[in-house]
Amino acid sequence: MSISDISGKEIFSQNINSNMMEVNQQLSDGIYFVQFKSLEKNMLFTSKLVIKN
């Protein structure tokens, strides 16, 4: 899983092996993109994340 800012800069990345995960990252207000990649099935899922503190 990775989180990138609106410019495409990766600000967080971590391999996950479960259905649930907690991200302890202080994100400023803004729009981010979260990507999940499956190596076994060669799949990519991208979602938009909006942070408003």
Protein backbone atom coordinates (compact mmCIF):
# COMPACT_ATOMS: atom_id res chain seq x y z
CA MET A 1 0.00 0.00 0.00
CA SER A 2 1.23 3.49 -0.73
CA ILE A 3 -0.04 7.02 -0.16
CA SER A 4 0.94 9.80 -2.56
CA ASP A 5 0.19 13.51 -2.49
CA ILE A 6 -1.53 15.35 -5.33
CA SER A 7 1.83 15.96 -7.09
CA GLY A 8 2.53 12.20 -7.14
CA LYS A 9 5.21 12.24 -4.42
CA GLU A 10 5.03 9.05 -2.36
CA ILE A 11 4.75 9.96 1.33
CA PHE A 12 4.02 6.55 2.83
CA SER A 13 4.57 2.97 1.74
CA GLN A 14 4.16 -0.34 3.57
CA ASN A 15 3.63 -3.99 2.67
CA ILE A 16 0.43 -5.37 4.13
CA ASN A 17 -0.54 -8.97 4.79
CA SER A 18 -3.97 -8.58 6.39
CA ASN A 19 -7.41 -7.13 5.71
CA MET A 20 -6.98 -4.25 8.15
CA MET A 21 -4.19 -1.75 8.69
CA GLU A 22 -3.64 1.42 10.70
CA VAL A 23 -1.56 4.25 9.23
CA ASN A 24 0.13 6.37 11.89
CA GLN A 25 1.05 9.25 9.62
CA GLN A 26 0.31 12.93 10.23
CA LEU A 27 -1.23 14.14 6.95
CA SER A 28 -1.91 17.80 6.30
CA ASP A 29 -5.23 18.90 4.84
CA GLY A 30 -5.38 17.99 1.18
CA ILE A 31 -6.04 15.34 -1.42
CA TYR A 32 -4.05 12.10 -1.47
CA PHE A 33 -4.11 8.91 -3.50
CA VAL A 34 -4.00 5.48 -1.87
CA GLN A 35 -2.80 2.56 -4.00
CA PHE A 36 -3.07 -1.15 -3.26
CA LYS A 37 -1.09 -3.54 -5.44
CA SER A 38 -1.61 -7.29 -5.56
CA LEU A 39 1.52 -9.12 -6.65
CA GLU A 40 -0.19 -12.49 -6.98
CA LYS A 41 -3.04 -11.33 -9.22
CA ASN A 42 -1.21 -8.42 -10.91
CA MET A 43 -3.96 -5.98 -9.89
CA LEU A 44 -3.88 -2.30 -8.91
CA PHE A 45 -6.57 -0.40 -6.96
CA THR A 46 -6.37 3.39 -6.50
CA SER A 47 -8.63 5.52 -4.31
CA LYS A 48 -8.77 9.21 -3.47
CA LEU A 49 -8.34 10.23 0.18
CA VAL A 50 -9.42 13.72 1.34
CA ILE A 51 -8.06 14.97 4.68
CA LYS A 52 -9.82 17.86 6.48
CA ASN A 53 -8.64 18.54 10.02
